[in-house]
Amino acid sequence: MNIAIIGLGKVAELHVEALRQLDPYAFTGGWSRSADKAKAFCTRFGGRAYATTEALLGDDEHVAVVL
């Protein structure tokens, strides 16, 4: 199950922790309004930091996206 997240704030951290209980590799990446925040989040939790929501939504790697 590959899941991306749009909006990488505190709640996203909770989502990633919950996803990891199901599958340690379920989180595949995310987007934030701040590119630096997205990079830091993905460095911490894994996955790819996307520069735009269009790039994230256009990537066929994900089966679901959490908003």
Protein backbone atom coordinates (compact mmCIF):
# COMPACT_ATOMS: atom_id res chain seq x y z
CA MET A 1 0.00 0.00 0.00
CA ASN A 2 1.65 3.26 -1.12
CA ILE A 3 0.22 6.40 0.42
CA ALA A 4 1.27 10.03 0.00
CA ILE A 5 0.29 12.99 2.16
CA ILE A 6 -0.57 16.55 1.15
CA GLY A 7 0.18 18.88 4.06
CA LEU A 8 3.07 17.76 6.22
CA GLY A 9 2.28 19.25 9.60
CA LYS A 10 1.92 17.65 13.03
CA VAL A 11 -1.13 15.61 12.04
CA ALA A 12 0.83 14.15 9.10
CA GLU A 13 3.37 12.82 11.60
CA LEU A 14 0.54 10.94 13.32
CA HIS A 15 -0.66 9.58 9.98
CA VAL A 16 2.81 8.30 9.09
CA GLU A 17 3.19 6.62 12.48
CA ALA A 18 -0.20 4.92 12.02
CA LEU A 19 0.69 3.84 8.47
CA ARG A 20 3.96 2.34 9.72
CA GLN A 21 2.00 0.07 12.03
CA LEU A 22 0.31 -1.39 8.95
CA ASP A 23 3.35 -1.34 6.67
CA PRO A 24 6.75 0.21 7.46
CA TYR A 25 7.06 1.35 3.82
CA ALA A 26 3.49 2.58 3.24
CA PHE A 27 4.40 6.30 3.26
CA THR A 28 5.78 7.13 -0.17
CA GLY A 29 6.05 10.91 -0.03
CA GLY A 30 4.38 14.22 0.46
CA TRP A 31 3.98 17.87 -0.35
CA SER A 32 4.03 20.98 1.81
CA ARG A 33 3.72 24.67 0.93
CA SER A 34 7.29 24.95 2.20
CA ALA A 35 9.75 22.95 0.11
CA ASP A 36 12.22 22.95 3.01
CA LYS A 37 9.56 21.54 5.34
CA ALA A 38 8.70 18.81 2.83
CA LYS A 39 12.35 17.85 2.45
CA ALA A 40 12.87 17.76 6.22
CA PHE A 41 9.72 15.68 6.75
CA CYS A 42 10.69 13.16 4.07
CA THR A 43 14.25 12.98 5.36
CA ARG A 44 12.84 12.12 8.78
CA PHE A 45 10.09 9.72 7.69
CA GLY A 46 11.24 8.50 4.27
CA GLY A 47 9.50 8.99 0.98
CA ARG A 48 9.87 11.64 -1.67
CA ALA A 49 9.31 15.37 -1.20
CA TYR A 50 7.24 16.69 -4.11
CA ALA A 51 7.66 20.24 -5.39
CA THR A 52 4.01 20.53 -6.48
CA THR A 53 0.71 18.83 -5.76
CA GLU A 54 0.42 18.16 -9.47
CA ALA A 55 3.66 16.16 -9.40
CA LEU A 56 2.47 14.18 -6.37
CA LEU A 57 -0.96 13.46 -7.83
CA GLY A 58 0.54 12.58 -11.21
CA ASP A 59 2.85 9.93 -9.75
CA ASP A 60 1.33 6.48 -10.26
CA GLU A 61 3.32 5.09 -7.33
CA HIS A 62 0.57 6.08 -4.87
CA VAL A 63 -2.68 4.20 -4.42
CA ALA A 64 -4.07 6.82 -2.05
CA VAL A 65 -3.42 10.39 -0.95
CA VAL A 66 -4.23 11.74 2.52
CA LEU A 67 -5.21 15.42 2.74
